[in-house]
Amino acid sequence: VGDGFAVILKKLIGSKLLSMQQTVAANSERIISRTLDLLDGARRIHLVGVGASSLVARDFSYKLMKLGRNVLHDSDSHIQMANASTLGPDDVLFALSYSGASIETLRIAELAAKRGTTVIAVTGLHDNPLSRVADIRLYTIADEERARSSSITARDAQLTLTDLLFILLVQKQPDANDYVHNSEAAVTVLKAERSS
């Protein structure tokens, strides 16, 4: 018999909070600032990941689009590879993989690096193939053993980093509020049409 609802909830919240706090602590202000500069100056930002990391990549791509950024994201790794084949030195590849060993993400990062694209990796705080390919390494801390083989805390750690980057980009971009407002207004019009 497992733990009761209240105990499970307390453990889950504690695990998520610890993962988020440790993730923020693992990344220096200098590396976050450098990442912001790269994202801010990129001609295109290509976000890649598989599984739960792809969900985080999609979420971040939507946020970046709200800021008027030229963003590429697709959950299909073949499309991700095709997109990576068009990248160049003015672009950024933002690759998410907690293990750093997801073969699809790794091959895409290797291709982008060969094309002179800056590779930003969001990965676990351990030596892994993706971190070795990356120009910039952002680290996530997750207790996957406690989460019983699920990617719950890894996903939360990735979301913490991408949400932080989004908020900092909003603060850095003078017209960000206008972009976000325009995006929300466009969606509101669509919702109104759908409900009428």
Protein backbone atom coordinates (compact mmCIF):
# COMPACT_ATOMS: atom_id res chain seq x y z
CA VAL A 1 0.00 0.00 0.00
CA GLY A 2 1.39 3.37 -1.00
CA ASP A 3 1.26 6.74 0.67
CA GLY A 4 -2.06 8.53 1.03
CA PHE A 5 -3.16 11.51 -1.05
CA ALA A 6 -1.93 14.19 1.38
CA VAL A 7 1.51 12.58 1.73
CA ILE A 8 1.89 12.14 -2.04
CA LEU A 9 0.86 15.75 -2.64
CA LYS A 10 3.33 17.04 -0.04
CA LYS A 11 6.16 14.96 -1.53
CA LEU A 12 5.30 16.07 -5.07
CA ILE A 13 5.23 19.77 -4.19
CA GLY A 14 8.45 19.44 -2.19
CA SER A 15 10.19 17.63 -5.03
CA LYS A 16 9.06 20.22 -7.59
CA LEU A 17 10.13 23.17 -5.44
CA LEU A 18 13.51 21.64 -4.69
CA SER A 19 14.09 20.94 -8.39
CA MET A 20 13.21 24.52 -9.35
CA GLN A 21 15.38 26.05 -6.61
CA GLN A 22 18.38 23.86 -7.43
CA THR A 23 18.00 24.56 -11.15
CA VAL A 24 18.08 28.32 -10.65
CA ALA A 25 21.09 27.98 -8.31
CA ALA A 26 22.98 25.83 -10.87
CA ASN A 27 22.98 28.59 -13.51
CA SER A 28 25.07 31.72 -13.03
CA GLU A 29 23.74 35.17 -13.77
CA ARG A 30 26.55 35.52 -16.31
CA ILE A 31 25.45 32.47 -18.33
CA ILE A 32 21.78 33.53 -18.17
CA SER A 33 22.76 37.00 -19.40
CA ARG A 34 24.81 35.51 -22.26
CA THR A 35 21.86 33.29 -23.21
CA LEU A 36 19.55 36.30 -23.26
CA ASP A 37 21.95 38.19 -25.53
CA LEU A 38 22.11 35.25 -27.94
CA LEU A 39 18.33 34.79 -28.03
CA ASP A 40 17.81 38.54 -28.37
CA GLY A 41 20.22 38.83 -31.30
CA ALA A 42 19.30 35.65 -33.16
CA ARG A 43 17.93 35.85 -36.68
CA ARG A 44 16.03 32.60 -35.99
CA ILE A 45 15.66 30.45 -32.90
CA HIS A 46 15.15 26.73 -33.50
CA LEU A 47 13.84 24.86 -30.46
CA VAL A 48 14.23 21.09 -30.30
CA GLY A 49 13.57 18.24 -27.90
CA VAL A 50 11.86 14.87 -27.82
CA GLY A 51 9.22 13.54 -25.46
CA ALA A 52 8.53 15.83 -22.50
CA SER A 53 11.38 18.11 -23.62
CA SER A 54 9.51 18.72 -26.87
CA LEU A 55 6.52 19.95 -24.85
CA VAL A 56 8.75 22.45 -23.06
CA ALA A 57 10.29 23.50 -26.40
CA ARG A 58 6.80 24.08 -27.80
CA ASP A 59 5.74 26.12 -24.77
CA PHE A 60 8.87 28.30 -25.03
CA SER A 61 8.39 28.71 -28.79
CA TYR A 62 4.87 30.08 -28.21
CA LYS A 63 6.19 32.55 -25.66
CA LEU A 64 8.97 33.71 -27.98
CA MET A 65 6.49 34.13 -30.84
CA LYS A 66 4.47 36.49 -28.62
CA LEU A 67 7.58 38.69 -28.55
CA GLY A 68 7.78 38.75 -32.34
CA ARG A 69 10.73 36.34 -32.53
CA ASN A 70 11.33 34.22 -35.61
CA VAL A 71 10.98 30.77 -34.09
CA LEU A 72 11.11 27.25 -35.51
CA HIS A 73 9.65 24.29 -33.63
CA ASP A 74 8.14 20.99 -34.63
CA SER A 75 7.63 17.88 -32.54
CA ASP A 76 8.68 15.62 -35.45
CA SER A 77 12.42 14.98 -35.27
CA HIS A 78 12.67 14.65 -39.06
CA ILE A 79 11.26 18.17 -39.45
CA GLN A 80 13.58 19.36 -36.67
CA MET A 81 16.54 17.95 -38.61
CA ALA A 82 15.34 19.54 -41.86
CA ASN A 83 14.97 22.90 -40.09
CA ALA A 84 18.44 22.54 -38.58
CA SER A 85 19.88 22.02 -42.07
CA THR A 86 18.83 25.61 -42.92
CA LEU A 87 20.45 27.24 -39.88
CA GLY A 88 23.52 29.43 -40.05
CA PRO A 89 25.85 31.55 -37.90
CA ASP A 90 23.18 34.19 -37.15
CA ASP A 91 20.78 31.58 -35.74
CA VAL A 92 20.48 29.81 -32.39
CA LEU A 93 19.59 26.19 -31.73
CA PHE A 94 17.95 25.81 -28.31
CA ALA A 95 18.13 22.08 -27.48
CA LEU A 96 16.42 20.51 -24.48
CA SER A 97 17.33 17.05 -23.17
CA TYR A 98 17.65 16.24 -19.48
CA SER A 99 19.74 13.13 -20.21
CA GLY A 100 21.73 14.91 -22.91
CA ALA A 101 21.74 11.59 -24.74
CA SER A 102 18.52 11.73 -26.79
CA ILE A 103 19.91 10.69 -30.16
CA GLU A 104 17.55 12.89 -32.22
CA THR A 105 18.36 16.02 -30.24
CA LEU A 106 22.07 15.22 -30.26
CA ARG A 107 22.22 14.70 -34.05
CA ILE A 108 20.31 17.95 -34.64
CA ALA A 109 22.70 19.83 -32.33
CA GLU A 110 25.71 18.32 -34.12
CA LEU A 111 24.33 19.39 -37.51
CA ALA A 112 23.62 22.92 -36.27
CA ALA A 113 27.11 23.20 -34.78
CA LYS A 114 28.66 22.10 -38.10
CA ARG A 115 26.70 24.89 -39.79
CA GLY A 116 28.18 27.48 -37.42
CA THR A 117 24.99 27.90 -35.42
CA THR A 118 25.25 28.72 -31.72
CA VAL A 119 23.97 25.74 -29.73
CA ILE A 120 22.35 26.35 -26.35
CA ALA A 121 21.72 23.14 -24.40
CA VAL A 122 19.32 22.77 -21.50
CA THR A 123 20.43 19.53 -19.90
CA GLY A 124 21.18 17.76 -16.65
CA LEU A 125 24.14 18.73 -14.49
CA HIS A 126 26.30 15.82 -15.61
CA ASP A 127 28.70 15.18 -18.44
CA ASN A 128 26.73 14.13 -21.50
CA PRO A 129 27.04 14.21 -25.30
CA LEU A 130 24.74 17.22 -25.77
CA SER A 131 26.62 19.37 -23.26
CA ARG A 132 29.85 18.60 -25.13
CA VAL A 133 28.36 19.87 -28.43
CA ALA A 134 26.87 23.03 -26.90
CA ASP A 135 28.37 26.51 -26.87
CA ILE A 136 26.19 27.47 -23.90
CA ARG A 137 25.07 25.05 -21.20
CA LEU A 138 22.06 25.67 -18.99
CA TYR A 139 21.60 23.07 -16.30
CA THR A 140 18.50 21.49 -14.85
CA ILE A 141 18.39 19.57 -11.59
CA ALA A 142 15.81 16.83 -11.21
CA ASP A 143 15.33 13.92 -8.85
CA GLU A 144 14.09 11.41 -11.38
CA GLU A 145 14.53 8.48 -9.01
CA ARG A 146 11.96 9.88 -6.57
CA ALA A 147 9.54 10.64 -9.38
CA ARG A 148 9.58 6.95 -10.30
CA SER A 149 11.04 7.10 -13.81
CA SER A 150 8.77 9.91 -14.94
CA SER A 151 10.07 13.19 -16.30
CA ILE A 152 7.99 15.26 -13.88
CA THR A 153 10.78 17.14 -12.11
CA ALA A 154 12.97 17.38 -15.23
CA ARG A 155 10.08 19.02 -17.09
CA ASP A 156 9.46 21.42 -14.20
CA ALA A 157 13.15 22.34 -14.10
CA GLN A 158 13.16 23.02 -17.85
CA LEU A 159 9.97 25.10 -17.59
CA THR A 160 11.50 27.10 -14.74
CA LEU A 161 14.47 28.01 -16.93
CA THR A 162 12.45 28.81 -20.05
CA ASP A 163 9.92 30.86 -18.07
CA LEU A 164 12.78 32.78 -16.45
CA LEU A 165 14.34 33.47 -19.85
CA PHE A 166 10.98 34.64 -21.21
CA ILE A 167 10.38 37.05 -18.31
CA LEU A 168 13.91 38.45 -18.63
CA LEU A 169 13.48 38.89 -22.40
CA VAL A 170 10.22 40.77 -21.78
CA GLN A 171 12.07 43.11 -19.41
CA LYS A 172 14.89 43.56 -21.93
CA GLN A 173 12.68 44.27 -24.95
CA PRO A 174 11.15 47.79 -24.84
CA ASP A 175 8.14 46.90 -26.99
CA ALA A 176 7.54 43.46 -25.46
CA ASN A 177 4.34 44.48 -23.71
CA ASP A 178 2.93 45.73 -27.03
CA TYR A 179 3.74 42.40 -28.70
CA VAL A 180 2.19 40.39 -25.85
CA HIS A 181 -0.88 42.65 -25.80
CA ASN A 182 -1.33 42.34 -29.58
CA SER A 183 -1.04 38.56 -29.35
CA GLU A 184 -3.60 38.35 -26.56
CA ALA A 185 -5.97 40.73 -28.40
CA ALA A 186 -5.79 38.62 -31.57
CA VAL A 187 -6.63 35.46 -29.63
CA THR A 188 -9.50 37.24 -27.83
CA VAL A 189 -11.04 38.19 -31.19
CA LEU A 190 -10.78 34.60 -32.38
CA LYS A 191 -12.37 33.28 -29.17
CA ALA A 192 -15.23 35.79 -29.52
CA GLU A 193 -15.90 34.63 -33.08
CA ARG A 194 -15.87 31.00 -32.01
CA SER A 195 -18.38 31.54 -29.21
CA SER A 196 -20.84 33.56 -31.30
